[in-house]
Every structure is written in C-alpha cells, then in structure tokens.
Protein backbone atom coordinates (compact mmCIF):
# COMPACT_ATOMS: atom_id res chain seq x y z
CA MET A 1 7.64 1.58 -11.41
CA ARG A 2 9.77 4.42 -12.70
CA LYS A 3 8.22 7.21 -10.60
CA GLY A 4 9.91 8.48 -7.40
CA PHE A 5 8.57 10.89 -4.81
CA GLU A 6 7.29 13.85 -7.02
CA GLY A 7 5.49 11.41 -9.50
CA LEU A 8 3.90 9.31 -7.01
CA SER A 9 2.92 12.17 -4.60
CA GLY A 10 1.29 14.06 -7.54
CA LEU A 11 -0.87 10.66 -8.42
CA VAL A 12 -1.80 10.83 -4.67
CA GLU A 13 -2.83 14.39 -4.83
CA THR A 14 -4.88 14.17 -7.76
CA THR A 15 -6.54 11.08 -6.68
CA PHE A 16 -6.89 11.91 -2.96
CA GLN A 17 -6.78 15.64 -2.44
CA GLY A 18 -5.29 16.52 0.80
CA GLU A 19 -4.59 13.12 1.92
CA LEU A 20 -0.80 12.97 1.36
CA THR A 21 0.13 14.51 4.74
CA SER A 22 -2.38 12.57 6.70
CA GLY A 23 -0.09 9.68 7.72
CA ALA A 24 -1.80 7.18 5.35
CA TYR A 25 0.33 4.57 3.37
CA PHE A 26 -0.19 4.69 -0.45
CA VAL A 27 0.64 1.29 -2.09
CA PHE A 28 1.72 1.00 -5.66
CA LEU A 29 2.11 -2.49 -7.61
CA ASN A 30 3.47 -2.82 -10.95
CA TRP A 31 1.28 -4.88 -13.43
CA LYS A 32 3.43 -8.05 -12.80
CA ARG A 33 2.75 -7.64 -9.07
CA ASN A 34 6.49 -8.35 -8.25
CA ARG A 35 7.28 -4.94 -7.18
CA MET A 36 5.85 -2.65 -4.63
CA LYS A 37 6.36 0.96 -3.46
CA VAL A 38 4.93 2.50 -0.54
CA LEU A 39 4.60 6.26 -0.09
CA TYR A 40 3.87 7.88 3.23
CA TRP A 41 4.44 10.97 5.15
CA ASP A 42 6.78 10.94 8.05
CA VAL A 43 7.12 13.62 10.72
CA ASP A 44 9.29 16.11 8.48
CA GLY A 45 8.94 14.69 4.90
CA LEU A 46 8.06 11.99 2.44
CA ALA A 47 9.23 8.52 2.63
CA LEU A 48 9.26 5.80 -0.02
CA TRP A 49 9.72 2.15 0.58
CA SER A 50 10.47 -0.32 -2.44
CA LYS A 51 10.18 -4.10 -2.41
CA ARG A 52 10.92 -6.63 -5.10
CA LEU A 53 10.04 -10.26 -4.94
CA GLU A 54 12.64 -12.53 -6.44
CA LYS A 55 9.84 -15.21 -6.74
CA GLY A 56 6.09 -15.08 -6.91
CA ARG A 57 3.73 -12.08 -6.78
CA PHE A 58 1.78 -10.03 -4.32
CA PRO A 59 -1.55 -11.21 -4.04
CA LYS A 60 -4.44 -9.53 -5.78
CA PRO A 61 -6.82 -7.45 -3.72
CA LEU A 62 -9.73 -9.36 -2.14
CA SER A 63 -12.06 -6.49 -2.99
CA ASP A 64 -12.10 -3.34 -4.99
CA GLU A 65 -11.86 -1.37 -1.83
CA LEU A 66 -9.18 1.35 -1.96
CA LEU A 67 -8.76 1.12 1.91
CA MET A 68 -6.76 -1.52 3.60
CA ASP A 69 -6.31 -2.04 7.43
CA ARG A 70 -3.03 -2.39 9.25
CA LYS A 71 -3.41 -6.49 9.19
CA GLY A 72 -4.24 -6.44 5.62
CA PHE A 73 -1.03 -4.28 4.79
CA LEU A 74 1.19 -6.52 6.96
CA MET A 75 -0.21 -9.55 5.27
CA LEU A 76 0.48 -8.05 1.87
CA LEU A 77 3.92 -7.25 2.67
CA GLU A 78 4.56 -10.90 4.12
CA GLY A 79 2.89 -12.60 1.01
CA VAL A 80 -0.13 -13.98 2.95
CA THR A 81 -3.21 -14.45 0.88
CA PRO A 82 -6.21 -14.99 3.21
CA LYS A 83 -9.18 -16.79 1.88
CA ARG A 84 -11.42 -15.20 4.65
CA ILE A 85 -10.71 -12.58 7.23
CA GLN A 86 -12.90 -12.83 10.22
CA LYS A 87 -12.39 -10.61 13.18
CA ARG A 88 -12.92 -12.04 16.66
CA PHE A 89 -14.04 -9.04 18.24
CA LYS A 90 -14.07 -5.12 17.92
CA ILE A 91 -12.64 -2.93 20.65
CA SER A 92 -14.78 0.40 20.58
C-alpha cells in the first residue's frame, strides 16, 4: 500500500490498457485485507481514496471476476459479505 497516484496508475495501464480515464474505479487491497485504495479518473484528473479498518477485514471476492457492479462495490465499502446475490429484475 505504498504506491500513490503514479504507481497505481502504472499498474492499471499495464493491466487494462486505455481504461484509466474510462470512469471505472480500480480497487486495491493489501494482503491483510484491512486497507483499501480506490483509484479513479475524475473530470480533470486522478482521485485516490483510502480506507483503513480498525477491526476486521474486507471480504474476499465471491468469484475470480475482475469486474464488480455498483452494489457490490458499496457492499465492499460497508463490510457486507453477501452469501448469495439475487437480482429481482433487470431493467433493459
């Protein structure tokens, strides 16, 4: 968790080329899963959020998917560990 804007944006650019300025949020957890950094492109530059838990850990991902929807991201921030996610309906 020592990396700042330049280090994290470099990781994103090497892994997801061209996606840094797409408006996506990139979440980084330390190996203890008690610290999180979120990197995203704001209107005119990069923004970096940081959160440290005093007790507990952030949950492990439910799957190996790299993509997470908005609800999953908010649950991760709040510390909610869902056992099953079931959508009632999909608006198309």
